[in-house]
């Protein structure tokens, strides 16, 4: 004689065998991805800042404030600081918005 509970158990086992396992992103992967994304965004902003500084130097050669042109690492630190402040501002505003 066949027990109805046994067929349900077999269905559960077969469903577990056939379902695909989805890998969940780990915290370390998301942190590394965030750091790499920030570095790429900062590098793009750094190049833009250097190009703007070079354009100002060519447009107004008499202004000695911007000569010599800004270096990569100086532009990297300036743009990184600006992005960091901007991201903190966004985080605080989102925190206030969610608390309402």
Protein backbone atom coordinates (compact mmCIF):
# COMPACT_ATOMS: atom_id res chain seq x y z
CA UNK A 1 0.00 0.00 0.00
CA UNK A 2 1.20 3.41 -0.84
CA UNK A 3 1.21 6.16 1.75
CA UNK A 4 0.11 9.61 0.43
CA UNK A 5 2.68 11.37 2.63
CA UNK A 6 5.52 9.47 0.95
CA UNK A 7 4.69 10.83 -2.49
CA UNK A 8 4.67 14.37 -1.11
CA UNK A 9 8.05 13.75 0.51
CA UNK A 10 9.44 12.50 -2.78
CA UNK A 11 8.10 15.60 -4.54
CA UNK A 12 9.86 17.82 -2.02
CA UNK A 13 13.13 15.94 -2.48
CA UNK A 14 12.89 16.08 -6.28
CA UNK A 15 12.08 19.79 -6.21
CA UNK A 16 15.15 20.46 -4.08
CA UNK A 17 17.33 18.50 -6.49
CA UNK A 18 16.08 20.28 -9.57
CA UNK A 19 16.11 23.86 -8.27
CA UNK A 20 19.13 25.95 -9.14
CA UNK A 21 21.31 27.29 -6.42
CA UNK A 22 21.70 31.06 -6.55
CA UNK A 23 24.88 32.38 -5.08
CA UNK A 24 24.35 35.35 -2.84
CA UNK A 25 26.86 38.18 -3.09
CA UNK A 26 29.06 38.28 -0.03
CA UNK A 27 29.89 41.40 1.92
CA UNK A 28 33.54 41.32 0.88
CA UNK A 29 32.61 41.19 -2.82
CA UNK A 30 30.28 44.15 -2.47
CA UNK A 31 32.90 46.15 -0.54
CA UNK A 32 35.54 45.43 -3.18
CA UNK A 33 33.09 46.35 -5.94
CA UNK A 34 32.24 49.60 -4.17
CA UNK A 35 35.90 50.53 -3.75
CA UNK A 36 36.65 49.74 -7.39
CA UNK A 37 33.63 51.75 -8.56
CA UNK A 38 34.73 54.69 -6.43
CA UNK A 39 38.28 54.44 -7.82
CA UNK A 40 37.06 54.41 -11.44
CA UNK A 41 34.70 57.34 -10.82
CA UNK A 42 37.48 59.22 -9.07
CA UNK A 43 39.92 58.54 -11.92
CA UNK A 44 37.46 59.86 -14.51
CA UNK A 45 36.86 62.97 -12.41
CA UNK A 46 40.62 63.38 -11.98
CA UNK A 47 41.20 63.39 -15.72
CA UNK A 48 38.37 65.90 -16.21
CA UNK A 49 39.86 68.14 -13.50
CA UNK A 50 43.29 67.97 -15.15
CA UNK A 51 41.80 68.83 -18.56
CA UNK A 52 39.91 71.79 -17.08
CA UNK A 53 43.09 73.04 -15.41
CA UNK A 54 45.00 72.71 -18.69
CA UNK A 55 42.25 74.57 -20.56
CA UNK A 56 42.33 77.44 -18.07
CA UNK A 57 46.13 77.63 -18.40
CA UNK A 58 45.88 77.84 -22.20
CA UNK A 59 42.99 80.30 -22.18
CA UNK A 60 44.54 82.75 -19.71
CA UNK A 61 48.34 82.40 -19.76
CA UNK A 62 48.78 85.54 -17.63
CA UNK A 63 47.12 83.97 -14.56
CA UNK A 64 49.95 82.51 -12.51
CA UNK A 65 47.68 80.92 -9.91
CA UNK A 66 46.99 77.77 -11.95
CA UNK A 67 50.49 77.29 -13.37
CA UNK A 68 52.08 74.81 -13.42
CA UNK A 69 49.23 72.43 -14.21
CA UNK A 70 47.84 70.19 -11.49
CA UNK A 71 49.36 66.72 -11.25
CA UNK A 72 47.45 63.47 -11.29
CA UNK A 73 47.85 62.63 -7.60
CA UNK A 74 46.91 66.13 -6.48
CA UNK A 75 43.81 66.03 -8.69
CA UNK A 76 43.11 62.49 -7.41
CA UNK A 77 43.11 63.64 -3.80
CA UNK A 78 40.99 66.73 -4.50
CA UNK A 79 38.36 64.84 -6.50
CA UNK A 80 38.35 61.96 -4.00
CA UNK A 81 37.72 64.38 -1.15
CA UNK A 82 34.93 66.08 -3.07
CA UNK A 83 33.26 62.74 -3.94
CA UNK A 84 33.59 61.56 -0.34
CA UNK A 85 31.91 64.73 0.98
CA UNK A 86 29.18 64.42 -1.65
CA UNK A 87 28.49 60.77 -0.76
CA UNK A 88 28.29 61.63 2.95
CA UNK A 89 25.81 64.40 2.10
CA UNK A 90 23.66 61.97 0.12
CA UNK A 91 23.76 59.42 2.94
CA UNK A 92 22.69 61.97 5.54
CA UNK A 93 19.86 63.29 3.36
CA UNK A 94 18.64 59.75 2.69
CA UNK A 95 18.75 59.06 6.43
CA UNK A 96 16.62 62.11 7.17
CA UNK A 97 14.22 61.22 4.36
CA UNK A 98 13.73 57.64 5.62
CA UNK A 99 13.18 58.78 9.22
CA UNK A 100 10.14 60.87 8.26
